[in-house]
């Protein structure tokens, strides 16, 4: 290793080193020259010493010599604004659920959604026959229902036959000829597999909405196989159905069956008793294990229970060839 190469400097490098050393020396000696040309003068404390010797108290500041009599202010607490929600005042009064308005329901303490649900039920043809029917409204709190129970008054419309007093004998004879005597309607017996929507409307408590819904449900099923199937119609109160049940009958007919071995998922889920999840499980099991042979094969699908299978039984066909 040639150490002389490390110690060799060019001419420019040597000049730079000399200039650097010069400035370093100038900086180092600057404090000496400043002390000569600008000597530091110390402050004169003689006047202060003379005053302190006579025990003269010099107030440091006005703020510390005098104590303020004003009470100390407490730190300001940041107040957060929270809007006040005004709840409608609850007032209990006698009411008929068949005629009450939405505003009156809210006054009684009904939540807005439950009040709207009750009005929708009435709009679709539903009626309240007894006090207990109100408790079947979905979402109605049990405690509120028990509180309102003594105030429910369901009025039943009755036809009152008015007698016209007849004073004159001639008028009486003429009136008897033109008079149509009132005869009470006989109870109609309807065949649920044949009756039309207008036929169902002749039943007490069945309006146009419910009658159309019964017919559409029958068509989607492929026909009724039991009277109790009518009781499962959405919007038909159980009390109304039990009252109408003696007026219903059905003629056993060949119902429309679905080929469970070949129908696609979209067709299966259209049946009222089969939802999308059940239809998908039926198709997946069929794809993995082959065709169904009998009803018990469907019980191998874990989401299908025996109760559902009993309802589906009359509507299922097992065809090997499409």
C-alpha atoms as a PDB file:
ATOM      1  CA  UNK A   1       0.000   0.000   0.000  1.00  0.00           C
ATOM      2  CA  UNK A   2       1.450   3.382  -1.027  1.00  0.00           C
ATOM      3  CA  UNK A   3       0.720   5.771   1.861  1.00  0.00           C
ATOM      4  CA  UNK A   4       2.276   8.697   0.000  1.00  0.00           C
ATOM      5  CA  UNK A   5      -0.616   8.609  -2.501  1.00  0.00           C
ATOM      6  CA  UNK A   6      -3.030   9.244   0.376  1.00  0.00           C
ATOM      7  CA  UNK A   7      -1.028  12.233   1.665  1.00  0.00           C
ATOM      8  CA  UNK A   8      -0.666  13.931  -1.707  1.00  0.00           C
ATOM      9  CA  UNK A   9      -2.881  17.005  -2.417  1.00  0.00           C
ATOM     10  CA  UNK A  10      -3.268  18.933  -5.606  1.00  0.00           C
ATOM     11  CA  UNK A  11      -2.624  22.655  -5.773  1.00  0.00           C
ATOM     12  CA  UNK A  12      -6.310  23.550  -5.621  1.00  0.00           C
ATOM     13  CA  UNK A  13      -6.829  21.253  -2.628  1.00  0.00           C
ATOM     14  CA  UNK A  14      -3.904  22.861  -0.793  1.00  0.00           C
ATOM     15  CA  UNK A  15      -5.328  26.340  -1.445  1.00  0.00           C
ATOM     16  CA  UNK A  16      -8.706  25.250  -0.134  1.00  0.00           C
ATOM     17  CA  UNK A  17      -7.182  23.876   3.062  1.00  0.00           C
ATOM     18  CA  UNK A  18      -5.292  27.127   3.678  1.00  0.00           C
ATOM     19  CA  UNK A  19      -8.461  29.232   3.229  1.00  0.00           C
ATOM     20  CA  UNK A  20     -10.413  26.917   5.543  1.00  0.00           C
ATOM     21  CA  UNK A  21      -7.762  27.146   8.267  1.00  0.00           C
ATOM     22  CA  UNK A  22      -7.733  30.919   7.941  1.00  0.00           C
ATOM     23  CA  UNK A  23     -11.486  31.238   8.531  1.00  0.00           C
ATOM     24  CA  UNK A  24     -11.390  28.772  11.414  1.00  0.00           C
ATOM     25  CA  UNK A  25      -8.696  30.844  13.122  1.00  0.00           C
ATOM     26  CA  UNK A  26     -10.628  34.050  12.486  1.00  0.00           C
ATOM     27  CA  UNK A  27     -13.756  32.565  14.012  1.00  0.00           C
ATOM     28  CA  UNK A  28     -11.884  31.273  17.021  1.00  0.00           C
ATOM     29  CA  UNK A  29     -10.297  34.675  17.755  1.00  0.00           C
ATOM     30  CA  UNK A  30     -13.462  36.731  17.186  1.00  0.00           C
ATOM     31  CA  UNK A  31     -14.488  36.533  20.867  1.00  0.00           C
ATOM     32  CA  UNK A  32     -11.151  38.030  21.891  1.00  0.00           C
ATOM     33  CA  UNK A  33     -11.393  40.953  19.524  1.00  0.00           C
ATOM     34  CA  UNK A  34     -15.007  41.647  20.524  1.00  0.00           C
ATOM     35  CA  UNK A  35     -14.050  41.915  24.197  1.00  0.00           C
ATOM     36  CA  UNK A  36     -11.438  44.539  23.318  1.00  0.00           C
ATOM     37  CA  UNK A  37     -13.523  46.741  21.059  1.00  0.00           C
ATOM     38  CA  UNK A  38     -16.874  46.191  22.829  1.00  0.00           C
ATOM     39  CA  UNK A  39     -16.235  45.708  26.534  1.00  0.00           C
ATOM     40  CA  UNK A  40     -19.221  44.201  28.475  1.00  0.00           C
ATOM     41  CA  UNK A  41     -20.740  46.554  31.117  1.00  0.00           C
ATOM     42  CA  UNK A  42     -22.445  45.036  34.145  1.00  0.00           C
ATOM     43  CA  UNK A  43     -25.787  46.535  35.348  1.00  0.00           C
ATOM     44  CA  UNK A  44     -25.679  48.844  38.383  1.00  0.00           C
ATOM     45  CA  UNK A  45     -27.567  47.295  41.309  1.00  0.00           C
ATOM     46  CA  UNK A  46     -26.492  49.908  43.885  1.00  0.00           C
ATOM     47  CA  UNK A  47     -29.866  51.671  43.931  1.00  0.00           C
ATOM     48  CA  UNK A  48     -31.655  48.363  44.418  1.00  0.00           C
ATOM     49  CA  UNK A  49     -29.307  47.379  47.255  1.00  0.00           C
ATOM     50  CA  UNK A  50     -29.914  50.728  48.983  1.00  0.00           C
ATOM     51  CA  UNK A  51     -33.670  50.261  48.875  1.00  0.00           C
ATOM     52  CA  UNK A  52     -33.549  46.675  50.102  1.00  0.00           C
ATOM     53  CA  UNK A  53     -31.312  47.689  52.985  1.00  0.00           C
ATOM     54  CA  UNK A  54     -34.068  50.010  54.283  1.00  0.00           C
ATOM     55  CA  UNK A  55     -36.523  47.073  54.076  1.00  0.00           C
ATOM     56  CA  UNK A  56     -38.524  48.796  51.433  1.00  0.00           C
ATOM     57  CA  UNK A  57     -40.917  46.437  49.745  1.00  0.00           C
ATOM     58  CA  UNK A  58     -41.065  46.838  46.022  1.00  0.00           C
ATOM     59  CA  UNK A  59     -44.279  45.527  44.555  1.00  0.00           C
ATOM     60  CA  UNK A  60     -43.513  43.148  41.795  1.00  0.00           C
ATOM     61  CA  UNK A  61     -46.789  43.476  39.967  1.00  0.00           C
ATOM     62  CA  UNK A  62     -50.206  44.833  40.581  1.00  0.00           C
ATOM     63  CA  UNK A  63     -51.791  41.512  39.842  1.00  0.00           C
ATOM     64  CA  UNK A  64     -49.945  39.744  42.711  1.00  0.00           C
ATOM     65  CA  UNK A  65     -50.146  42.581  45.355  1.00  0.00           C
ATOM     66  CA  UNK A  66     -53.936  42.802  45.308  1.00  0.00           C
ATOM     67  CA  UNK A  67     -56.228  39.857  45.438  1.00  0.00           C
ATOM     68  CA  UNK A  68     -59.304  40.130  43.296  1.00  0.00           C
ATOM     69  CA  UNK A  69     -62.626  39.867  45.101  1.00  0.00           C
ATOM     70  CA  UNK A  70     -64.297  38.444  42.012  1.00  0.00           C
ATOM     71  CA  UNK A  71     -65.185  34.760  42.240  1.00  0.00           C
ATOM     72  CA  UNK A  72     -63.128  32.455  40.140  1.00  0.00           C
ATOM     73  CA  UNK A  73     -64.917  31.533  36.980  1.00  0.00           C
ATOM     74  CA  UNK A  74     -65.448  27.845  36.417  1.00  0.00           C
ATOM     75  CA  UNK A  75     -64.094  26.309  33.242  1.00  0.00           C
ATOM     76  CA  UNK A  76     -66.588  26.503  30.440  1.00  0.00           C
ATOM     77  CA  UNK A  77     -68.140  23.189  29.619  1.00  0.00           C
ATOM     78  CA  UNK A  78     -68.892  22.570  26.016  1.00  0.00           C
ATOM     79  CA  UNK A  79     -72.539  21.915  25.586  1.00  0.00           C
ATOM     80  CA  UNK A  80     -73.606  19.482  22.937  1.00  0.00           C
ATOM     81  CA  UNK A  81     -76.879  20.131  21.174  1.00  0.00           C
ATOM     82  CA  UNK A  82     -79.301  17.274  21.216  1.00  0.00           C
ATOM     83  CA  UNK A  83     -82.606  17.873  19.473  1.00  0.00           C
ATOM     84  CA  UNK A  84     -85.627  17.099  21.582  1.00  0.00           C
ATOM     85  CA  UNK A  85     -87.865  14.469  20.093  1.00  0.00           C
ATOM     86  CA  UNK A  86     -91.449  15.159  20.966  1.00  0.00           C
ATOM     87  CA  UNK A  87     -93.456  11.981  21.391  1.00  0.00           C
ATOM     88  CA  UNK A  88     -97.152  12.119  20.693  1.00  0.00           C
ATOM     89  CA  UNK A  89     -99.152  12.148  23.873  1.00  0.00           C
ATOM     90  CA  UNK A  90    -100.915   8.843  24.470  1.00  0.00           C
ATOM     91  CA  UNK A  91    -104.618   9.067  25.228  1.00  0.00           C
ATOM     92  CA  UNK A  92    -106.873   6.055  25.762  1.00  0.00           C
ATOM     93  CA  UNK A  93    -110.466   6.113  24.538  1.00  0.00           C
ATOM     94  CA  UNK A  94    -113.100   3.727  23.227  1.00  0.00           C
ATOM     95  CA  UNK A  95    -112.552   2.807  19.569  1.00  0.00           C
ATOM     96  CA  UNK A  96    -113.667   0.412  16.859  1.00  0.00           C
ATOM     97  CA  UNK A  97    -110.681  -1.060  14.929  1.00  0.00           C
ATOM     98  CA  UNK A  98    -112.936  -1.381  11.863  1.00  0.00           C
ATOM     99  CA  UNK A  99    -113.413   2.408  11.585  1.00  0.00           C
ATOM    100  CA  UNK A 100    -110.580   4.138  13.483  1.00  0.00           C
ATOM    101  CA  UNK A 101    -108.252   6.496  11.566  1.00  0.00           C
ATOM    102  CA  UNK A 102    -104.455   6.495  11.552  1.00  0.00           C
ATOM    103  CA  UNK A 103    -104.173   9.673  13.632  1.00  0.00           C
ATOM    104  CA  UNK A 104    -106.413   8.159  16.285  1.00  0.00           C
ATOM    105  CA  UNK A 105    -104.288   4.991  16.309  1.00  0.00           C
ATOM    106  CA  UNK A 106    -101.159   7.064  16.910  1.00  0.00           C
ATOM    107  CA  UNK A 107    -102.946   8.885  19.750  1.00  0.00           C
ATOM    108  CA  UNK A 108    -103.696   5.512  21.354  1.00  0.00           C
ATOM    109  CA  UNK A 109     -99.973   4.686  21.316  1.00  0.00           C
ATOM    110  CA  UNK A 110     -99.706   2.574  18.136  1.00  0.00           C
ATOM    111  CA  UNK A 111     -96.299   2.726  16.403  1.00  0.00           C
ATOM    112  CA  UNK A 112     -96.639   4.248  12.955  1.00  0.00           C
ATOM    113  CA  UNK A 113     -95.709   1.015  11.152  1.00  0.00           C
ATOM    114  CA  UNK A 114     -98.249  -1.018  13.109  1.00  0.00           C
ATOM    115  CA  UNK A 115    -100.943   1.603  12.479  1.00  0.00           C
ATOM    116  CA  UNK A 116    -100.221   1.494   8.719  1.00  0.00           C
ATOM    117  CA  UNK A 117    -100.295  -2.317   8.811  1.00  0.00           C
ATOM    118  CA  UNK A 118    -103.737  -2.286  10.450  1.00  0.00           C
ATOM    119  CA  UNK A 119    -105.104   0.107   7.814  1.00  0.00           C
ATOM    120  CA  UNK A 120    -103.638  -2.043   5.014  1.00  0.00           C
ATOM    121  CA  UNK A 121    -105.298  -5.097   6.514  1.00  0.00           C
ATOM    122  CA  UNK A 122    -108.644  -3.280   6.483  1.00  0.00           C
ATOM    123  CA  UNK A 123    -108.087  -1.997   2.916  1.00  0.00           C
ATOM    124  CA  UNK A 124    -107.506  -5.546   1.659  1.00  0.00           C
ATOM    125  CA  UNK A 125    -110.886  -6.648   2.980  1.00  0.00           C
ATOM    126  CA  UNK A 126    -109.977  -7.751   6.499  1.00  0.00           C
ATOM    127  CA  UNK A 127    -112.415  -7.107   9.330  1.00  0.00           C
ATOM    128  CA  UNK A 128    -112.341  -7.419  13.105  1.00  0.00           C
ATOM    129  CA  UNK A 129    -115.139  -9.591  14.466  1.00  0.00           C
ATOM    130  CA  UNK A 130    -114.033  -9.692  18.098  1.00  0.00           C
ATOM    131  CA  UNK A 131    -111.577  -7.963  20.386  1.00  0.00           C
ATOM    132  CA  UNK A 132    -109.030 -10.774  20.191  1.00  0.00           C
ATOM    133  CA  UNK A 133    -108.589 -10.214  16.427  1.00  0.00           C
ATOM    134  CA  UNK A 134    -106.666  -7.001  17.134  1.00  0.00           C
ATOM    135  CA  UNK A 135    -103.941  -8.962  18.909  1.00  0.00           C
ATOM    136  CA  UNK A 136    -103.193 -10.806  15.647  1.00  0.00           C
ATOM    137  CA  UNK A 137    -101.846  -7.664  13.977  1.00  0.00           C
ATOM    138  CA  UNK A 138     -98.144  -8.292  13.412  1.00  0.00           C
ATOM    139  CA  UNK A 139     -95.844  -6.050  15.462  1.00  0.00           C
ATOM    140  CA  UNK A 140     -98.422  -4.993  18.082  1.00  0.00           C
ATOM    141  CA  UNK A 141     -96.789  -5.081  21.499  1.00  0.00           C
ATOM    142  CA  UNK A 142     -98.511  -7.413  23.967  1.00  0.00           C
ATOM    143  CA  UNK A 143     -98.447  -4.845  26.779  1.00  0.00           C
ATOM    144  CA  UNK A 144    -100.091  -2.211  24.541  1.00  0.00           C
ATOM    145  CA  UNK A 145    -102.705  -4.760  23.426  1.00  0.00           C
ATOM    146  CA  UNK A 146    -103.604  -5.618  27.039  1.00  0.00           C
ATOM    147  CA  UNK A 147    -103.855  -1.906  27.837  1.00  0.00           C
ATOM    148  CA  UNK A 148    -106.196  -1.254  24.891  1.00  0.00           C
ATOM    149  CA  UNK A 149    -108.344  -4.377  25.347  1.00  0.00           C
ATOM    150  CA  UNK A 150    -110.930  -2.742  27.692  1.00  0.00           C
ATOM    151  CA  UNK A 151    -111.398   0.143  25.208  1.00  0.00           C
ATOM    152  CA  UNK A 152    -112.130  -1.968  22.109  1.00  0.00           C
ATOM    153  CA  UNK A 153    -115.755  -1.711  21.042  1.00  0.00           C
ATOM    154  CA  UNK A 154    -116.696  -3.550  17.862  1.00  0.00           C
ATOM    155  CA  UNK A 155    -120.066  -2.482  16.520  1.00  0.00           C
ATOM    156  CA  UNK A 156    -122.126  -4.916  14.479  1.00  0.00           C
ATOM    157  CA  UNK A 157    -124.425  -3.398  11.908  1.00  0.00           C
ATOM    158  CA  UNK A 158    -127.941  -4.720  12.205  1.00  0.00           C
ATOM    159  CA  UNK A 159    -130.722  -4.161   9.750  1.00  0.00           C
ATOM    160  CA  UNK A 160    -133.704  -2.620  11.492  1.00  0.00           C
ATOM    161  CA  UNK A 161    -137.028  -3.180   9.903  1.00  0.00           C
ATOM    162  CA  UNK A 162    -139.153  -0.053  10.139  1.00  0.00           C
ATOM    163  CA  UNK A 163    -142.891  -0.409  10.195  1.00  0.00           C
ATOM    164  CA  UNK A 164    -144.845   2.262   8.348  1.00  0.00           C
ATOM    165  CA  UNK A 165    -148.020   3.223  10.192  1.00  0.00           C
ATOM    166  CA  UNK A 166    -151.053   2.940   7.945  1.00  0.00           C
ATOM    167  CA  UNK A 167    -153.968   5.161   8.775  1.00  0.00           C
ATOM    168  CA  UNK A 168    -156.115   4.894   5.737  1.00  0.00           C
ATOM    169  CA  UNK A 169    -157.677   1.589   4.644  1.00  0.00           C
ATOM    170  CA  UNK A 170    -157.292   2.287   0.902  1.00  0.00           C
ATOM    171  CA  UNK A 171    -153.677   3.250   1.287  1.00  0.00           C
ATOM    172  CA  UNK A 172    -153.156   0.147   3.383  1.00  0.00           C
ATOM    173  CA  UNK A 173    -154.480  -2.160   0.698  1.00  0.00           C
ATOM    174  CA  UNK A 174    -152.406  -0.466  -2.028  1.00  0.00           C
ATOM    175  CA  UNK A 175    -149.268  -0.625   0.123  1.00  0.00           C
ATOM    176  CA  UNK A 176    -149.766  -4.345   0.823  1.00  0.00           C
ATOM    177  CA  UNK A 177    -149.900  -5.090  -2.881  1.00  0.00           C
ATOM    178  CA  UNK A 178    -146.667  -3.215  -3.703  1.00  0.00           C
ATOM    179  CA  UNK A 179    -144.810  -4.190  -0.530  1.00  0.00           C
ATOM    180  CA  UNK A 180    -141.938  -6.664  -0.834  1.00  0.00           C
ATOM    181  CA  UNK A 181    -141.666  -8.597   2.341  1.00  0.00           C
ATOM    182  CA  UNK A 182    -138.161  -8.902   3.797  1.00  0.00           C
ATOM    183  CA  UNK A 183    -136.786 -12.397   3.727  1.00  0.00           C
ATOM    184  CA  UNK A 184    -133.443 -13.091   5.380  1.00  0.00           C
ATOM    185  CA  UNK A 185    -130.704 -14.389   3.103  1.00  0.00           C
ATOM    186  CA  UNK A 186    -130.086 -18.080   3.268  1.00  0.00           C
ATOM    187  CA  UNK A 187    -126.605 -19.220   4.026  1.00  0.00           C
ATOM    188  CA  UNK A 188    -124.827 -19.973   0.775  1.00  0.00           C
ATOM    189  CA  UNK A 189    -122.785 -23.155   0.413  1.00  0.00           C
ATOM    190  CA  UNK A 190    -119.822 -22.639  -1.918  1.00  0.00           C
ATOM    191  CA  UNK A 191    -117.626 -25.230  -3.576  1.00  0.00           C
ATOM    192  CA  UNK A 192    -114.110 -23.843  -3.128  1.00  0.00           C
ATOM    193  CA  UNK A 193    -112.848 -25.601  -6.279  1.00  0.00           C
ATOM    194  CA  UNK A 194    -115.597 -24.172  -8.496  1.00  0.00           C
ATOM    195  CA  UNK A 195    -116.663 -20.821  -6.983  1.00  0.00           C
ATOM    196  CA  UNK A 196    -115.644 -17.623  -8.752  1.00  0.00           C
ATOM    197  CA  UNK A 197    -114.342 -14.440  -7.165  1.00  0.00           C
ATOM    198  CA  UNK A 198    -117.820 -12.894  -7.249  1.00  0.00           C
ATOM    199  CA  UNK A 199    -119.229 -16.005  -5.538  1.00  0.00           C
ATOM    200  CA  UNK A 200    -116.761 -15.652  -2.671  1.00  0.00           C
ATOM    201  CA  UNK A 201    -117.802 -12.014  -2.218  1.00  0.00           C
ATOM    202  CA  UNK A 202    -121.288 -13.186  -1.265  1.00  0.00           C
ATOM    203  CA  UNK A 203    -119.811 -14.571   1.951  1.00  0.00           C
ATOM    204  CA  UNK A 204    -119.841 -12.286   4.978  1.00  0.00           C
ATOM    205  CA  UNK A 205    -116.419 -10.756   5.618  1.00  0.00           C
ATOM    206  CA  UNK A 206    -114.989 -11.485   2.142  1.00  0.00           C
ATOM    207  CA  UNK A 207    -114.356  -8.402   0.010  1.00  0.00           C
ATOM    208  CA  UNK A 208    -113.143  -8.052  -3.588  1.00  0.00           C
ATOM    209  CA  UNK A 209    -109.464  -8.212  -2.604  1.00  0.00           C
ATOM    210  CA  UNK A 210    -109.776 -11.399  -0.562  1.00  0.00           C
ATOM    211  CA  UNK A 211    -112.002 -13.086  -3.137  1.00  0.00           C
ATOM    212  CA  UNK A 212    -109.459 -12.462  -5.923  1.00  0.00           C
ATOM    213  CA  UNK A 213    -106.687 -13.685  -3.642  1.00  0.00           C
ATOM    214  CA  UNK A 214    -108.537 -16.968  -2.936  1.00  0.00           C
ATOM    215  CA  UNK A 215    -108.983 -17.669  -6.658  1.00  0.00           C
ATOM    216  CA  UNK A 216    -105.342 -16.860  -7.489  1.00  0.00           C
ATOM    217  CA  UNK A 217    -104.143 -19.084  -4.636  1.00  0.00           C
ATOM    218  CA  UNK A 218    -106.305 -21.945  -5.919  1.00  0.00           C
ATOM    219  CA  UNK A 219    -104.883 -21.562  -9.438  1.00  0.00           C
ATOM    220  CA  UNK A 220    -101.283 -21.451  -8.158  1.00  0.00           C
ATOM    221  CA  UNK A 221    -101.842 -24.612  -6.114  1.00  0.00           C
ATOM    222  CA  UNK A 222    -103.544 -26.474  -8.930  1.00  0.00           C
ATOM    223  CA  UNK A 223    -106.760 -26.937  -6.943  1.00  0.00           C
ATOM    224  CA  UNK A 224    -107.811 -27.338  -3.314  1.00  0.00           C
ATOM    225  CA  UNK A 225    -107.666 -30.707  -1.597  1.00  0.00           C
ATOM    226  CA  UNK A 226    -108.936 -29.514   1.801  1.00  0.00           C
ATOM    227  CA  UNK A 227    -111.141 -26.700   3.119  1.00  0.00           C
ATOM    228  CA  UNK A 228    -108.498 -25.690   5.674  1.00  0.00           C
ATOM    229  CA  UNK A 229    -106.289 -24.498   2.814  1.00  0.00           C
ATOM    230  CA  UNK A 230    -108.590 -21.482   2.456  1.00  0.00           C
ATOM    231  CA  UNK A 231    -107.751 -20.516   6.053  1.00  0.00           C
ATOM    232  CA  UNK A 232    -104.107 -19.977   5.089  1.00  0.00           C
ATOM    233  CA  UNK A 233    -104.984 -17.139   2.670  1.00  0.00           C
ATOM    234  CA  UNK A 234    -103.058 -13.980   3.599  1.00  0.00           C
ATOM    235  CA  UNK A 235    -105.339 -11.324   5.113  1.00  0.00           C
ATOM    236  CA  UNK A 236    -108.150 -13.705   6.097  1.00  0.00           C
ATOM    237  CA  UNK A 237    -108.584 -13.552   9.861  1.00  0.00           C
ATOM    238  CA  UNK A 238    -108.920 -16.912  11.564  1.00  0.00           C
ATOM    239  CA  UNK A 239    -112.107 -15.793  13.307  1.00  0.00           C
ATOM    240  CA  UNK A 240    -113.675 -14.934   9.940  1.00  0.00           C
ATOM    241  CA  UNK A 241    -112.585 -18.246   8.431  1.00  0.00           C
ATOM    242  CA  UNK A 242    -113.999 -20.253  11.346  1.00  0.00           C
ATOM    243  CA  UNK A 243    -117.323 -18.451  10.928  1.00  0.00           C
ATOM    244  CA  UNK A 244    -117.409 -19.139   7.182  1.00  0.00           C
ATOM    245  CA  UNK A 245    -116.104 -22.692   7.314  1.00  0.00           C
ATOM    246  CA  UNK A 246    -119.577 -24.338   7.613  1.00  0.00           C
ATOM    247  CA  UNK A 247    -120.547 -22.624   4.328  1.00  0.00           C
ATOM    248  CA  UNK A 248    -117.600 -24.095   2.417  1.00  0.00           C
ATOM    249  CA  UNK A 249    -117.356 -27.432   0.706  1.00  0.00           C
ATOM    250  CA  UNK A 250    -115.219 -28.882  -2.035  1.00  0.00           C
ATOM    251  CA  UNK A 251    -115.511 -31.419  -4.791  1.00  0.00           C
ATOM    252  CA  UNK A 252    -112.452 -33.686  -5.078  1.00  0.00           C
ATOM    253  CA  UNK A 253    -110.957 -32.993  -8.480  1.00  0.00           C
ATOM    254  CA  UNK A 254    -107.724 -34.126 -10.145  1.00  0.00           C
ATOM    255  CA  UNK A 255    -105.351 -31.387  -9.031  1.00  0.00           C
ATOM    256  CA  UNK A 256    -102.575 -30.149 -11.271  1.00  0.00           C
ATOM    257  CA  UNK A 257     -99.380 -31.976 -10.345  1.00  0.00           C
ATOM    258  CA  UNK A 258     -95.786 -30.862 -10.945  1.00  0.00           C
ATOM    259  CA  UNK A 259     -93.122 -33.198 -12.284  1.00  0.00           C
ATOM    260  CA  UNK A 260     -90.533 -32.941  -9.522  1.00  0.00           C
ATOM    261  CA  UNK A 261     -87.992 -34.991 -11.508  1.00  0.00           C
ATOM    262  CA  UNK A 262     -87.779 -32.612 -14.464  1.00  0.00           C
ATOM    263  CA  UNK A 263     -89.093 -29.143 -13.544  1.00  0.00           C
ATOM    264  CA  UNK A 264     -86.369 -26.457 -13.306  1.00  0.00           C
ATOM    265  CA  UNK A 265     -85.819 -24.310 -10.235  1.00  0.00           C
ATOM    266  CA  UNK A 266     -87.790 -21.318 -11.578  1.00  0.00           C
ATOM    267  CA  UNK A 267     -90.886 -23.461 -12.126  1.00  0.00           C
ATOM    268  CA  UNK A 268     -90.685 -25.207  -8.741  1.00  0.00           C
ATOM    269  CA  UNK A 269     -90.455 -21.983  -6.730  1.00  0.00           C
ATOM    270  CA  UNK A 270     -93.723 -20.718  -8.254  1.00  0.00           C
ATOM    271  CA  UNK A 271     -95.692 -23.209  -6.171  1.00  0.00           C
ATOM    272  CA  UNK A 272     -97.148 -21.544  -3.030  1.00  0.00           C
ATOM    273  CA  UNK A 273     -95.688 -24.213  -0.739  1.00  0.00           C
ATOM    274  CA  UNK A 274     -92.130 -24.109  -2.198  1.00  0.00           C
ATOM    275  CA  UNK A 275     -89.835 -21.140  -1.695  1.00  0.00           C
ATOM    276  CA  UNK A 276     -86.562 -20.475  -3.489  1.00  0.00           C
ATOM    277  CA  UNK A 277     -84.379 -22.190  -0.875  1.00  0.00           C
ATOM    278  CA  UNK A 278     -86.480 -25.379  -0.928  1.00  0.00           C
ATOM    279  CA  UNK A 279     -86.631 -25.420  -4.731  1.00  0.00           C
ATOM    280  CA  UNK A 280     -82.842 -25.095  -4.969  1.00  0.00           C
ATOM    281  CA  UNK A 281     -82.345 -27.939  -2.468  1.00  0.00           C
ATOM    282  CA  UNK A 282     -84.714 -30.195  -4.479  1.00  0.00           C
ATOM    283  CA  UNK A 283     -82.847 -29.519  -7.737  1.00  0.00           C
ATOM    284  CA  UNK A 284     -79.388 -29.950  -6.157  1.00  0.00           C
ATOM    285  CA  UNK A 285     -80.304 -33.270  -4.523  1.00  0.00           C
ATOM    286  CA  UNK A 286     -81.826 -34.482  -7.821  1.00  0.00           C
ATOM    287  CA  UNK A 287     -78.633 -33.551  -9.697  1.00  0.00           C
ATOM    288  CA  UNK A 288     -76.398 -35.369  -7.200  1.00  0.00           C
ATOM    289  CA  UNK A 289     -78.476 -38.493  -6.466  1.00  0.00           C
ATOM    290  CA  UNK A 290     -80.722 -38.969  -9.477  1.00  0.00           C
ATOM    291  CA  UNK A 291     -84.498 -39.042  -9.893  1.00  0.00           C
ATOM    292  CA  UNK A 292     -86.960 -39.172  -7.010  1.00  0.00           C
ATOM    293  CA  UNK A 293     -88.969 -42.391  -6.689  1.00  0.00           C
ATOM    294  CA  UNK A 294     -91.440 -41.594  -3.898  1.00  0.00           C
ATOM    295  CA  UNK A 295     -92.256 -38.962  -1.285  1.00  0.00           C
ATOM    296  CA  UNK A 296     -89.906 -40.358   1.324  1.00  0.00           C
ATOM    297  CA  UNK A 297     -86.951 -39.471  -0.900  1.00  0.00           C
ATOM    298  CA  UNK A 298     -87.700 -35.795  -0.252  1.00  0.00           C
ATOM    299  CA  UNK A 299     -87.282 -36.327   3.488  1.00  0.00           C
ATOM    300  CA  UNK A 300     -83.581 -36.943   2.819  1.00  0.00           C
ATOM    301  CA  UNK A 301     -83.311 -33.194   2.195  1.00  0.00           C
ATOM    302  CA  UNK A 302     -82.717 -31.761   5.670  1.00  0.00           C
ATOM    303  CA  UNK A 303     -84.748 -28.559   5.149  1.00  0.00           C
ATOM    304  CA  UNK A 304     -87.924 -30.438   4.129  1.00  0.00           C
ATOM    305  CA  UNK A 305     -89.994 -31.460   7.144  1.00  0.00           C
ATOM    306  CA  UNK A 306     -92.797 -33.999   7.341  1.00  0.00           C
ATOM    307  CA  UNK A 307     -95.468 -31.284   7.681  1.00  0.00           C
ATOM    308  CA  UNK A 308     -94.397 -29.649   4.418  1.00  0.00           C
ATOM    309  CA  UNK A 309     -94.283 -33.016   2.681  1.00  0.00           C
ATOM    310  CA  UNK A 310     -97.885 -33.759   3.717  1.00  0.00           C
ATOM    311  CA  UNK A 311     -99.035 -30.504   2.107  1.00  0.00           C
ATOM    312  CA  UNK A 312     -96.981 -31.087  -1.068  1.00  0.00           C
ATOM    313  CA  UNK A 313     -97.924 -34.757  -1.491  1.00  0.00           C
ATOM    314  CA  UNK A 314    -101.080 -34.321  -3.627  1.00  0.00           C
ATOM    315  CA  UNK A 315     -99.273 -31.896  -5.969  1.00  0.00           C
ATOM    316  CA  UNK A 316     -96.158 -33.970  -6.759  1.00  0.00           C
ATOM    317  CA  UNK A 317     -95.736 -36.442  -9.638  1.00  0.00           C
ATOM    318  CA  UNK A 318     -92.744 -38.762 -10.094  1.00  0.00           C
ATOM    319  CA  UNK A 319     -92.154 -39.181 -13.821  1.00  0.00           C
ATOM    320  CA  UNK A 320     -89.113 -41.074 -15.023  1.00  0.00           C
ATOM    321  CA  UNK A 321     -89.337 -39.846 -18.593  1.00  0.00           C
ATOM    322  CA  UNK A 322     -90.001 -36.236 -19.478  1.00  0.00           C
END
